[in-house]
Amino acid sequence: MEQLIKYQVERMLRRKRRNPNLLLQPTTRLVHDIGLDSVDLIELTMNLEYRFHIVIPDAELEELRTVQDVLDCVDTHLAASHSY
């Protein structure tokens, strides 16, 4: 994954975190550590879709638990969109 993509995803998550001292790691949990609620997760998904020109199905949104899950999701969808 390109560093730029990782940076952009982490930047989106940093704006949402409730604890400013929290360092984002791949294992950082979206709900328990960052403090995202269901509305935040939907907003995050919409931002990811807009920023990276991808579509994330609702079922996949429900599987996003950690920062690494989000990065993997974006990476998978970008790879699929470039393979056409």
C-alpha atoms as a PDB file:
ATOM      1  CA  MET A   1       0.000   0.000   0.000  1.00  0.00           C
ATOM      2  CA  GLU A   2       1.253   3.411  -0.849  1.00  0.00           C
ATOM      3  CA  GLN A   3       2.280   5.584   2.067  1.00  0.00           C
ATOM      4  CA  LEU A   4       0.028   8.364   0.765  1.00  0.00           C
ATOM      5  CA  ILE A   5      -3.050   6.154   1.075  1.00  0.00           C
ATOM      6  CA  LYS A   6      -2.058   5.086   4.586  1.00  0.00           C
ATOM      7  CA  TYR A   7      -1.468   8.708   5.546  1.00  0.00           C
ATOM      8  CA  GLN A   8      -4.862   9.814   4.192  1.00  0.00           C
ATOM      9  CA  VAL A   9      -6.744   7.016   5.974  1.00  0.00           C
ATOM     10  CA  GLU A  10      -4.967   7.701   9.259  1.00  0.00           C
ATOM     11  CA  ARG A  11      -5.630  11.416   8.866  1.00  0.00           C
ATOM     12  CA  MET A  12      -9.363  10.727   8.551  1.00  0.00           C
ATOM     13  CA  LEU A  13      -9.252   8.570  11.678  1.00  0.00           C
ATOM     14  CA  ARG A  14      -7.209  11.097  13.667  1.00  0.00           C
ATOM     15  CA  ARG A  15      -9.901  13.728  13.119  1.00  0.00           C
ATOM     16  CA  LYS A  16     -12.456  11.375  14.679  1.00  0.00           C
ATOM     17  CA  ARG A  17     -10.596  10.078  17.715  1.00  0.00           C
ATOM     18  CA  ARG A  18     -11.928  11.112  21.077  1.00  0.00           C
ATOM     19  CA  ASN A  19      -8.578  10.743  22.859  1.00  0.00           C
ATOM     20  CA  PRO A  20      -6.005  13.176  21.385  1.00  0.00           C
ATOM     21  CA  ASN A  21      -3.138  11.270  23.053  1.00  0.00           C
ATOM     22  CA  LEU A  22      -4.049   8.001  21.341  1.00  0.00           C
ATOM     23  CA  LEU A  23      -1.474   6.852  18.816  1.00  0.00           C
ATOM     24  CA  LEU A  24      -2.919   5.039  15.835  1.00  0.00           C
ATOM     25  CA  GLN A  25      -1.511   1.562  15.381  1.00  0.00           C
ATOM     26  CA  PRO A  26      -2.690  -1.184  13.017  1.00  0.00           C
ATOM     27  CA  THR A  27      -4.360  -2.893  15.986  1.00  0.00           C
ATOM     28  CA  THR A  28      -6.128   0.250  17.237  1.00  0.00           C
ATOM     29  CA  ARG A  29      -9.829  -0.547  17.475  1.00  0.00           C
ATOM     30  CA  LEU A  30     -12.219   1.867  15.801  1.00  0.00           C
ATOM     31  CA  VAL A  31     -14.991   1.700  18.400  1.00  0.00           C
ATOM     32  CA  HIS A  32     -13.251   0.882  21.676  1.00  0.00           C
ATOM     33  CA  ASP A  33     -10.002   2.828  21.245  1.00  0.00           C
ATOM     34  CA  ILE A  34     -10.841   5.695  18.873  1.00  0.00           C
ATOM     35  CA  GLY A  35     -14.429   6.015  20.099  1.00  0.00           C
ATOM     36  CA  LEU A  36     -16.258   5.860  16.777  1.00  0.00           C
ATOM     37  CA  ASP A  37     -19.996   5.235  16.886  1.00  0.00           C
ATOM     38  CA  SER A  38     -22.214   3.920  14.086  1.00  0.00           C
ATOM     39  CA  VAL A  39     -22.687   7.375  12.565  1.00  0.00           C
ATOM     40  CA  ASP A  40     -18.925   7.972  12.612  1.00  0.00           C
ATOM     41  CA  LEU A  41     -18.352   4.643  10.844  1.00  0.00           C
ATOM     42  CA  ILE A  42     -20.846   5.522   8.118  1.00  0.00           C
ATOM     43  CA  GLU A  43     -19.269   8.943   7.704  1.00  0.00           C
ATOM     44  CA  LEU A  44     -15.805   7.366   7.551  1.00  0.00           C
ATOM     45  CA  THR A  45     -16.995   4.969   4.855  1.00  0.00           C
ATOM     46  CA  MET A  46     -18.510   7.790   2.827  1.00  0.00           C
ATOM     47  CA  ASN A  47     -15.273   9.772   3.104  1.00  0.00           C
ATOM     48  CA  LEU A  48     -13.223   6.751   2.020  1.00  0.00           C
ATOM     49  CA  GLU A  49     -15.523   6.119  -0.932  1.00  0.00           C
ATOM     50  CA  TYR A  50     -15.355   9.752  -2.023  1.00  0.00           C
ATOM     51  CA  ARG A  51     -11.612  10.138  -1.501  1.00  0.00           C
ATOM     52  CA  PHE A  52     -10.540   6.910  -3.178  1.00  0.00           C
ATOM     53  CA  HIS A  53     -13.397   6.496  -5.716  1.00  0.00           C
ATOM     54  CA  ILE A  54     -14.389   3.099  -4.353  1.00  0.00           C
ATOM     55  CA  VAL A  55     -17.614   1.492  -3.124  1.00  0.00           C
ATOM     56  CA  ILE A  56     -17.659  -0.243   0.260  1.00  0.00           C
ATOM     57  CA  PRO A  57     -20.716  -2.483   0.734  1.00  0.00           C
ATOM     58  CA  ASP A  58     -22.631  -2.157   4.009  1.00  0.00           C
ATOM     59  CA  ALA A  59     -21.813  -5.759   4.931  1.00  0.00           C
ATOM     60  CA  GLU A  60     -18.120  -4.960   4.651  1.00  0.00           C
ATOM     61  CA  LEU A  61     -18.513  -1.824   6.748  1.00  0.00           C
ATOM     62  CA  GLU A  62     -19.807  -3.965   9.590  1.00  0.00           C
ATOM     63  CA  GLU A  63     -16.583  -6.021   9.505  1.00  0.00           C
ATOM     64  CA  LEU A  64     -14.251  -3.049  10.022  1.00  0.00           C
ATOM     65  CA  ARG A  65     -12.882  -3.319  13.544  1.00  0.00           C
ATOM     66  CA  THR A  66      -9.311  -1.972  13.485  1.00  0.00           C
ATOM     67  CA  VAL A  67      -7.190   0.573  11.652  1.00  0.00           C
ATOM     68  CA  GLN A  68      -5.609  -2.304   9.717  1.00  0.00           C
ATOM     69  CA  ASP A  69      -9.067  -3.503   8.650  1.00  0.00           C
ATOM     70  CA  VAL A  70      -9.744  -0.076   7.146  1.00  0.00           C
ATOM     71  CA  LEU A  71      -6.380   0.001   5.373  1.00  0.00           C
ATOM     72  CA  ASP A  72      -6.914  -3.512   4.005  1.00  0.00           C
ATOM     73  CA  CYS A  73     -10.414  -2.612   2.841  1.00  0.00           C
ATOM     74  CA  VAL A  74      -9.224   0.439   0.919  1.00  0.00           C
ATOM     75  CA  ASP A  75      -6.277  -1.487  -0.523  1.00  0.00           C
ATOM     76  CA  THR A  76      -8.529  -4.344  -1.686  1.00  0.00           C
ATOM     77  CA  HIS A  77     -11.028  -2.023  -3.359  1.00  0.00           C
ATOM     78  CA  LEU A  78      -8.325   0.056  -5.027  1.00  0.00           C
ATOM     79  CA  ALA A  79      -6.660  -3.079  -6.382  1.00  0.00           C
ATOM     80  CA  ALA A  80     -10.000  -4.343  -7.710  1.00  0.00           C
ATOM     81  CA  SER A  81     -10.788  -1.019  -9.384  1.00  0.00           C
ATOM     82  CA  HIS A  82      -7.387  -0.941 -11.083  1.00  0.00           C
ATOM     83  CA  SER A  83      -7.662  -4.468 -12.399  1.00  0.00           C
ATOM     84  CA  TYR A  84     -10.435  -3.609 -14.858  1.00  0.00           C
END
